[in-house]
Structure formats: C-alpha cells, structure tokens
C-alpha cells in the first residue's frame, strides 16, 4: 500500500506541474494580450515603440466589416474584412502568439490595401473575440486556416484568388497549412518570422530561460495532451512545406532574438524550389517591415506581381 500511495502522490505532483506549465504556455489570458497597444518589452521593440503605436492607431481607424466562421471543433472564430474592390485578390492574414490583428499588422494593413488586396484579418482561436482558451502553436490553427479559406470561397466565389499571410505563430500556421489540401485558388503564401515547429520554439525558450529541458519539455507535452487536447509534436512547418504546391515568400530578421533566423533558413532549405527567402540585417522579431520598409515593399510587391500577374497589370 505504501508503494501505491507514493505512486499516486508522484502522479498528482506530475499532473499539477503539467497543469501549471500548460497554463503558462498554452492557456489564453483575457486582458493584456487582447490590448492592441500592449507591446512586448525588449530594447528592439522599445526603439520603435512610438512608430508602432502610431501605426496601430492608424490601423484601428480603418473601417472594417466584422465576420465569423466556425472551426472544425465548433468554436466561433471572428475576423475583420476590409473591402477594396470587387474581384480583387484576397489576402487572409494570421497574427502571432498572443497578438492582435491591429497590432501585428499595423503597418501591413495599409501596405496590402495599397497593393490592391481585399483583406481578411482573422482573430486566432483563443485571441481577441474568437472563442477558445487554448493556443496550440499552429497545430489546430492550421485547420482553422482551411475554414477561413472555405469561408472566402463561399462568400466571394471559388475563383477568388487568395494569398495566405502570417507573422510569427501566424506565419508558422500558414506554412503548416501549406501541407494540407489547399484549393487551387490559393496562389501563394507570405510568412514573416515563422518558427519551424511548436516543439522547436518551446524548447528554445526553455533553454533561453536556463530551465531543465529534460523536465520542462515532458511536462509541457503532457499538459498539452491532457489539458489542451492536442499534441504539440503533431505539426512542423519545415515538413509541411515539402508538400506545398504554391510559391512561398519567407522573410526573417537576422537579429530575431525570439524565433532565430536559423529557423527561417531551415524551413527554406526544406523546399528550396518552392521558397524564396529574404533576411533583414539588424531586424528583430517581426520587425523587418520597419527596419527596411522600402526593401520590404520591393520584395513583397515583386512576389505579388509574380503570383497575381493579371491583377498587377490591371492595377498598373
């Protein structure tokens, strides 16, 4: 009996520890993460804080239509639709981990509009006003991506040309979705600062914080499986792009201290015939757009012209 009690006690300790880790990493808080003006700390962001704040204010002032769809597991997913013109290609934008559409795409919204896109900015599950309380680092979000594509095809027509875009976790999400059965009207993917896999980015952060990987990662995996209902090892962007059938533009800051630029190189090397990689010197996480805006615009516009040649001709 003593052995049984000891075993039960150890199991209880492990479950409690797994739940604590689950809440820290995967559980979605309700307040600051949904504040458009809550910027992550750090010297790289602080140096650009005023510029980012002004762009957020400008992005929030642009009128949009609230839209929604239902996820594969029954959650209400909300989004924001910005109409430019009938028949224009549609860019579907996926924000990052504990981000918001207006914060993460504060500069991108206007940039895509100038490029002639209709925009659909989605609120990821467990973020903003979308339902759910578990962030799965792209594992379930990649299937949400498919639901938003279905929504766009039903509303705008099956011939509507679609560009999938994402930043940080949103970039990993669209890359993971690239390995699924995307319909033919999805013409390309733009991924800015993606990580390779949930396991890779989580273990990187564990090491950065000098925590024992051999303890924390198993607890992370167990917490995700038991309390989050998903396997954090079930999706990998670098594996998904090997099955991709559309061109991919990948952008990464060379001084990214959260998602190392090496992850961008790893993803690009997995499908070099499909992926065009551009890195930005001195740019931190998701900050390439701000560090060298003219170059960023040249690269993205050239990509848009390549995958939407007829629309580029009409716009010119």
Protein backbone atom coordinates (compact mmCIF):
# COMPACT_ATOMS: atom_id res chain seq x y z
CA UNK A 1 0.00 0.00 0.00
CA UNK A 2 2.83 2.38 0.77
CA UNK A 3 4.18 1.96 -2.74
CA UNK A 4 0.74 2.66 -4.16
CA UNK A 5 0.34 5.83 -2.12
CA UNK A 6 3.79 7.03 -3.14
CA UNK A 7 2.99 6.34 -6.81
CA UNK A 8 -0.31 8.20 -6.55
CA UNK A 9 1.40 11.10 -4.84
CA UNK A 10 4.06 11.33 -7.52
CA UNK A 11 1.39 11.17 -10.23
CA UNK A 12 -0.50 14.01 -8.54
CA UNK A 13 2.65 16.12 -8.37
CA UNK A 14 3.41 15.48 -12.05
CA UNK A 15 -0.16 16.37 -13.08
CA UNK A 16 -0.11 19.56 -11.04
CA UNK A 17 3.23 20.55 -12.55
CA UNK A 18 1.98 19.74 -16.06
CA UNK A 19 -1.12 21.85 -15.49
CA UNK A 20 0.98 24.78 -14.25
CA UNK A 21 3.19 24.61 -17.35
CA UNK A 22 0.11 24.29 -19.56
CA UNK A 23 -1.40 27.47 -18.12
CA UNK A 24 1.82 29.42 -18.63
CA UNK A 25 2.42 28.38 -22.24
CA UNK A 26 -0.91 27.40 -23.81
CA UNK A 27 -3.71 28.92 -21.74
CA UNK A 28 -5.02 32.15 -23.21
CA UNK A 29 -5.27 35.10 -20.81
CA UNK A 30 -8.08 37.56 -21.39
CA UNK A 31 -6.70 41.03 -20.79
CA UNK A 32 -3.35 42.45 -21.88
CA UNK A 33 -2.86 40.02 -24.78
CA UNK A 34 -6.01 41.43 -26.42
CA UNK A 35 -4.94 45.06 -25.96
CA UNK A 36 -3.80 46.40 -29.34
CA UNK A 37 -1.34 48.74 -27.62
CA UNK A 38 0.25 46.14 -25.34
CA UNK A 39 3.66 45.73 -26.97
CA UNK A 40 6.12 43.09 -25.85
CA UNK A 41 9.07 44.53 -23.97
CA UNK A 42 12.68 44.50 -25.06
CA UNK A 43 15.10 47.02 -26.48
CA UNK A 44 14.33 46.12 -30.10
CA UNK A 45 10.62 46.92 -29.74
CA UNK A 46 11.22 49.85 -27.40
CA UNK A 47 13.31 51.61 -30.03
CA UNK A 48 10.33 51.52 -32.40
CA UNK A 49 7.52 51.86 -29.87
CA UNK A 50 6.34 55.34 -30.91
CA UNK A 51 6.29 54.42 -34.61
CA UNK A 52 4.44 51.16 -33.94
CA UNK A 53 1.90 52.91 -31.70
CA UNK A 54 1.11 55.46 -34.43
CA UNK A 55 0.65 52.68 -36.98
CA UNK A 56 -1.71 50.86 -34.61
CA UNK A 57 -3.81 54.00 -34.21
CA UNK A 58 -3.98 54.39 -37.99
CA UNK A 59 -4.91 50.73 -38.47
CA UNK A 60 -7.69 50.92 -35.88
CA UNK A 61 -9.19 53.91 -37.70
CA UNK A 62 -9.77 51.94 -40.93
CA UNK A 63 -13.39 50.73 -41.13
CA UNK A 64 -14.00 47.00 -41.46
CA UNK A 65 -16.84 44.51 -41.52
CA UNK A 66 -16.97 42.00 -38.63
CA UNK A 67 -17.20 38.45 -39.99
CA UNK A 68 -17.13 34.97 -38.48
CA UNK A 69 -16.88 31.28 -39.23
CA UNK A 70 -16.96 28.06 -37.19
CA UNK A 71 -13.85 26.00 -36.52
CA UNK A 72 -13.64 22.25 -37.14
CA UNK A 73 -14.14 21.71 -33.40
CA UNK A 74 -17.11 24.06 -33.02
CA UNK A 75 -15.54 27.34 -31.93
CA UNK A 76 -16.76 30.69 -33.22
CA UNK A 77 -13.85 32.37 -34.99
CA UNK A 78 -14.13 36.09 -35.68
CA UNK A 79 -12.43 38.20 -38.29
CA UNK A 80 -12.31 41.66 -39.87
CA UNK A 81 -12.96 42.17 -43.57
CA UNK A 82 -11.62 45.23 -45.43
CA UNK A 83 -13.10 45.70 -48.90
CA UNK A 84 -11.16 47.42 -51.67
CA UNK A 85 -12.90 46.45 -54.88
CA UNK A 86 -14.95 43.60 -56.31
CA UNK A 87 -12.83 40.89 -57.88
CA UNK A 88 -9.59 41.90 -56.17
CA UNK A 89 -7.36 39.13 -54.79
CA UNK A 90 -7.92 38.38 -51.11
CA UNK A 91 -5.15 38.33 -48.52
CA UNK A 92 -6.00 36.34 -45.38
CA UNK A 93 -3.76 37.49 -42.52
CA UNK A 94 -2.91 35.47 -39.39
CA UNK A 95 -1.43 37.28 -36.38
CA UNK A 96 1.05 35.88 -33.89
CA UNK A 97 1.13 34.30 -30.44
CA UNK A 98 -0.90 36.43 -28.03
CA UNK A 99 -1.13 39.11 -30.69
CA UNK A 100 -3.97 41.05 -32.28
CA UNK A 101 -4.69 41.87 -35.94
CA UNK A 102 -4.32 45.63 -35.48
CA UNK A 103 -1.07 45.27 -33.52
CA UNK A 104 0.69 42.63 -35.60
CA UNK A 105 -0.42 44.03 -38.97
CA UNK A 106 -0.48 47.69 -38.02
CA UNK A 107 1.76 48.57 -40.96
CA UNK A 108 0.76 45.70 -43.19
CA UNK A 109 -2.94 46.60 -43.42
CA UNK A 110 -2.26 49.79 -45.34
CA UNK A 111 0.53 48.18 -47.34
CA UNK A 112 -1.73 45.37 -48.57
CA UNK A 113 -4.50 47.85 -49.35
CA UNK A 114 -2.15 49.97 -51.47
CA UNK A 115 -1.12 46.77 -53.26
CA UNK A 116 -4.76 46.25 -54.23
CA UNK A 117 -5.89 43.42 -51.96
CA UNK A 118 -9.16 42.89 -50.20
CA UNK A 119 -8.19 41.90 -46.67
CA UNK A 120 -9.44 39.35 -44.17
CA UNK A 121 -7.71 39.70 -40.82
CA UNK A 122 -8.62 36.78 -38.64
CA UNK A 123 -8.61 36.65 -34.84
CA UNK A 124 -6.90 33.38 -33.98
CA UNK A 125 -8.67 30.93 -31.67
CA UNK A 126 -8.24 31.94 -28.02
CA UNK A 127 -7.42 35.52 -29.05
CA UNK A 128 -9.44 38.76 -29.11
CA UNK A 129 -13.14 37.92 -29.54
CA UNK A 130 -12.72 34.43 -31.02
CA UNK A 131 -13.74 31.55 -28.81
CA UNK A 132 -11.43 29.07 -27.13
CA UNK A 133 -8.87 29.24 -24.35
CA UNK A 134 -6.03 27.10 -25.72
CA UNK A 135 -3.30 28.32 -28.07
CA UNK A 136 -1.87 25.35 -29.98
CA UNK A 137 1.03 26.99 -31.85
CA UNK A 138 -0.40 26.13 -35.26
CA UNK A 139 -1.49 22.54 -34.63
CA UNK A 140 -5.21 23.34 -34.62
CA UNK A 141 -4.83 26.81 -36.12
CA UNK A 142 -3.71 25.32 -39.46
CA UNK A 143 -7.13 23.67 -39.69
CA UNK A 144 -8.76 26.99 -38.79
CA UNK A 145 -6.89 28.38 -41.80
CA UNK A 146 -8.71 25.89 -44.00
CA UNK A 147 -12.05 27.00 -42.55
CA UNK A 148 -11.29 30.64 -43.39
CA UNK A 149 -10.40 29.62 -46.94
CA UNK A 150 -13.76 27.81 -47.14
CA UNK A 151 -15.48 30.97 -45.85
CA UNK A 152 -13.78 33.09 -48.52
CA UNK A 153 -14.67 30.67 -51.32
CA UNK A 154 -18.31 30.52 -50.22
CA UNK A 155 -18.66 34.28 -49.88
CA UNK A 156 -16.55 35.59 -52.76
CA UNK A 157 -16.60 32.66 -55.16
CA UNK A 158 -14.39 29.67 -55.82
CA UNK A 159 -12.33 31.62 -58.35
CA UNK A 160 -11.31 34.31 -55.89
CA UNK A 161 -7.51 34.41 -55.77
CA UNK A 162 -6.19 34.01 -52.24
CA UNK A 163 -2.87 34.88 -50.60
CA UNK A 164 -2.20 33.39 -47.14
CA UNK A 165 -0.10 35.62 -44.89
CA UNK A 166 1.17 35.31 -41.35
CA UNK A 167 3.60 36.71 -38.85
CA UNK A 168 5.37 34.71 -36.11
CA UNK A 169 2.95 31.97 -34.97
CA UNK A 170 0.62 33.09 -37.77
CA UNK A 171 3.46 32.54 -40.24
CA UNK A 172 4.06 29.06 -38.86
CA UNK A 173 0.31 28.44 -39.10
CA UNK A 174 0.05 29.24 -42.81
CA UNK A 175 3.19 27.23 -43.55
CA UNK A 176 1.77 24.24 -41.68
CA UNK A 177 -1.44 24.67 -43.69
CA UNK A 178 0.62 24.59 -46.90
CA UNK A 179 0.97 20.83 -46.46
CA UNK A 180 -2.80 20.33 -46.36
CA UNK A 181 -5.10 20.04 -49.36
CA UNK A 182 -5.28 23.71 -50.31
CA UNK A 183 -7.78 24.56 -53.08
CA UNK A 184 -6.41 25.77 -56.40
CA UNK A 185 -7.39 29.40 -55.90
CA UNK A 186 -4.83 29.74 -53.09
CA UNK A 187 -1.97 31.18 -55.15
CA UNK A 188 0.78 31.84 -52.64
CA UNK A 189 1.95 32.22 -49.03
CA UNK A 190 3.85 35.02 -47.31
CA UNK A 191 5.42 34.06 -43.98
CA UNK A 192 7.25 36.59 -41.79
CA UNK A 193 9.38 35.25 -38.90
CA UNK A 194 7.96 31.71 -38.67
CA UNK A 195 9.16 29.03 -36.26
CA UNK A 196 9.72 25.50 -37.50
CA UNK A 197 7.52 23.66 -35.01
CA UNK A 198 5.86 24.10 -31.60
CA UNK A 199 8.41 21.79 -30.02
CA UNK A 200 11.34 23.67 -31.54
CA UNK A 201 10.26 27.13 -30.38
CA UNK A 202 9.12 25.98 -26.93
CA UNK A 203 12.34 24.07 -26.23
CA UNK A 204 14.31 27.10 -27.47
CA UNK A 205 12.55 29.32 -24.92
CA UNK A 206 13.09 26.71 -22.18
CA UNK A 207 16.82 26.75 -22.89
CA UNK A 208 16.89 30.57 -23.02
CA UNK A 209 15.44 30.66 -19.52
CA UNK A 210 18.01 28.18 -18.23
CA UNK A 211 15.33 25.68 -17.25
CA UNK A 212 15.98 21.91 -17.27
CA UNK A 213 14.77 20.75 -20.67
CA UNK A 214 14.55 17.10 -19.62
CA UNK A 215 11.91 18.05 -17.03
CA UNK A 216 10.06 21.01 -18.57
CA UNK A 217 9.51 19.67 -22.10
CA UNK A 218 7.88 16.36 -20.96
CA UNK A 219 5.66 18.37 -18.61
CA UNK A 220 4.82 20.74 -21.49
CA UNK A 221 3.90 17.84 -23.78
CA UNK A 222 1.85 16.14 -21.07
CA UNK A 223 -0.02 19.33 -20.17
CA UNK A 224 -0.87 19.99 -23.81
CA UNK A 225 -2.18 16.46 -24.29
CA UNK A 226 -4.21 16.21 -21.09
CA UNK A 227 -5.44 19.77 -20.54
CA UNK A 228 -5.21 21.22 -24.05
CA UNK A 229 -6.38 18.24 -26.10
CA UNK A 230 -3.58 18.39 -28.67
CA UNK A 231 -0.11 17.04 -29.37
CA UNK A 232 2.47 19.85 -29.69
CA UNK A 233 4.63 17.49 -31.75
CA UNK A 234 1.88 16.96 -34.36
CA UNK A 235 2.79 19.78 -36.76
CA UNK A 236 6.02 21.01 -38.30
CA UNK A 237 6.30 23.84 -40.82
CA UNK A 238 9.58 22.57 -42.28
CA UNK A 239 7.92 19.22 -43.02
CA UNK A 240 4.67 20.75 -44.30
CA UNK A 241 6.36 22.92 -46.94
CA UNK A 242 7.77 19.78 -48.57
CA UNK A 243 4.18 19.03 -49.61
CA UNK A 244 3.33 22.60 -50.60
CA UNK A 245 2.13 23.27 -54.15
CA UNK A 246 2.23 27.08 -54.11
CA UNK A 247 5.11 29.59 -54.11
CA UNK A 248 6.17 30.82 -50.67
CA UNK A 249 7.85 34.09 -49.74
CA UNK A 250 9.67 33.79 -46.41
CA UNK A 251 11.03 36.84 -44.57
CA UNK A 252 13.10 36.77 -41.40
CA UNK A 253 15.02 39.29 -39.30
CA UNK A 254 18.66 38.38 -38.85
CA UNK A 255 18.65 39.70 -35.27
CA UNK A 256 15.46 37.89 -34.26
CA UNK A 257 16.01 37.01 -30.60
CA UNK A 258 12.75 35.11 -30.18
CA UNK A 259 12.46 32.98 -33.33
CA UNK A 260 16.03 32.54 -34.57
CA UNK A 261 16.71 33.37 -38.20
CA UNK A 262 18.15 29.85 -38.48
CA UNK A 263 14.58 28.54 -38.31
CA UNK A 264 13.75 30.54 -41.43
CA UNK A 265 16.75 29.04 -43.19
CA UNK A 266 15.73 25.54 -42.06
CA UNK A 267 12.23 25.97 -43.49
CA UNK A 268 13.56 27.42 -46.75
CA UNK A 269 16.07 24.59 -47.19
CA UNK A 270 13.27 22.03 -46.84
CA UNK A 271 11.73 23.19 -50.15
CA UNK A 272 14.21 25.45 -51.98
CA UNK A 273 12.40 25.06 -55.29
CA UNK A 274 9.24 26.46 -53.71
CA UNK A 275 10.51 29.01 -51.18
CA UNK A 276 12.05 32.44 -51.74
CA UNK A 277 13.88 33.57 -48.57
CA UNK A 278 14.91 37.13 -47.72
CA UNK A 279 16.61 38.06 -44.45
CA UNK A 280 16.90 41.58 -43.00
CA UNK A 281 20.09 42.65 -41.17
CA UNK A 282 19.60 44.05 -37.65
CA UNK A 283 15.85 43.30 -37.68
CA UNK A 284 14.29 41.83 -34.55
CA UNK A 285 11.27 39.54 -34.33
CA UNK A 286 8.64 40.61 -36.86
CA UNK A 287 10.37 43.97 -37.32
CA UNK A 288 11.78 43.58 -40.84
CA UNK A 289 8.94 45.75 -42.22
CA UNK A 290 10.05 48.64 -40.00
CA UNK A 291 13.81 48.18 -40.22
CA UNK A 292 13.90 48.48 -44.02
CA UNK A 293 10.45 49.38 -45.29
CA UNK A 294 11.46 50.24 -48.89
CA UNK A 295 13.23 46.88 -49.36
CA UNK A 296 10.35 45.00 -47.71
CA UNK A 297 7.91 46.66 -50.10
CA UNK A 298 10.05 45.88 -53.16
CA UNK A 299 10.34 42.22 -52.22
CA UNK A 300 6.66 41.72 -51.42
CA UNK A 301 5.40 43.67 -54.46
CA UNK A 302 7.64 41.61 -56.77
CA UNK A 303 6.18 38.45 -55.21
CA UNK A 304 2.60 39.72 -55.61
CA UNK A 305 3.27 40.58 -59.26
CA UNK A 306 4.66 37.10 -59.87
CA UNK A 307 1.72 35.20 -58.39
CA UNK A 308 -1.02 37.65 -59.48
CA UNK A 309 0.27 38.92 -62.85
CA UNK A 310 -3.13 39.85 -64.33
CA UNK A 311 -4.14 41.81 -61.22
CA UNK A 312 -0.83 43.66 -61.29
CA UNK A 313 -1.44 44.63 -64.91
CA UNK A 314 -4.94 45.88 -64.09
CA UNK A 315 -3.65 47.88 -61.14
CA UNK A 316 -0.88 49.48 -63.17
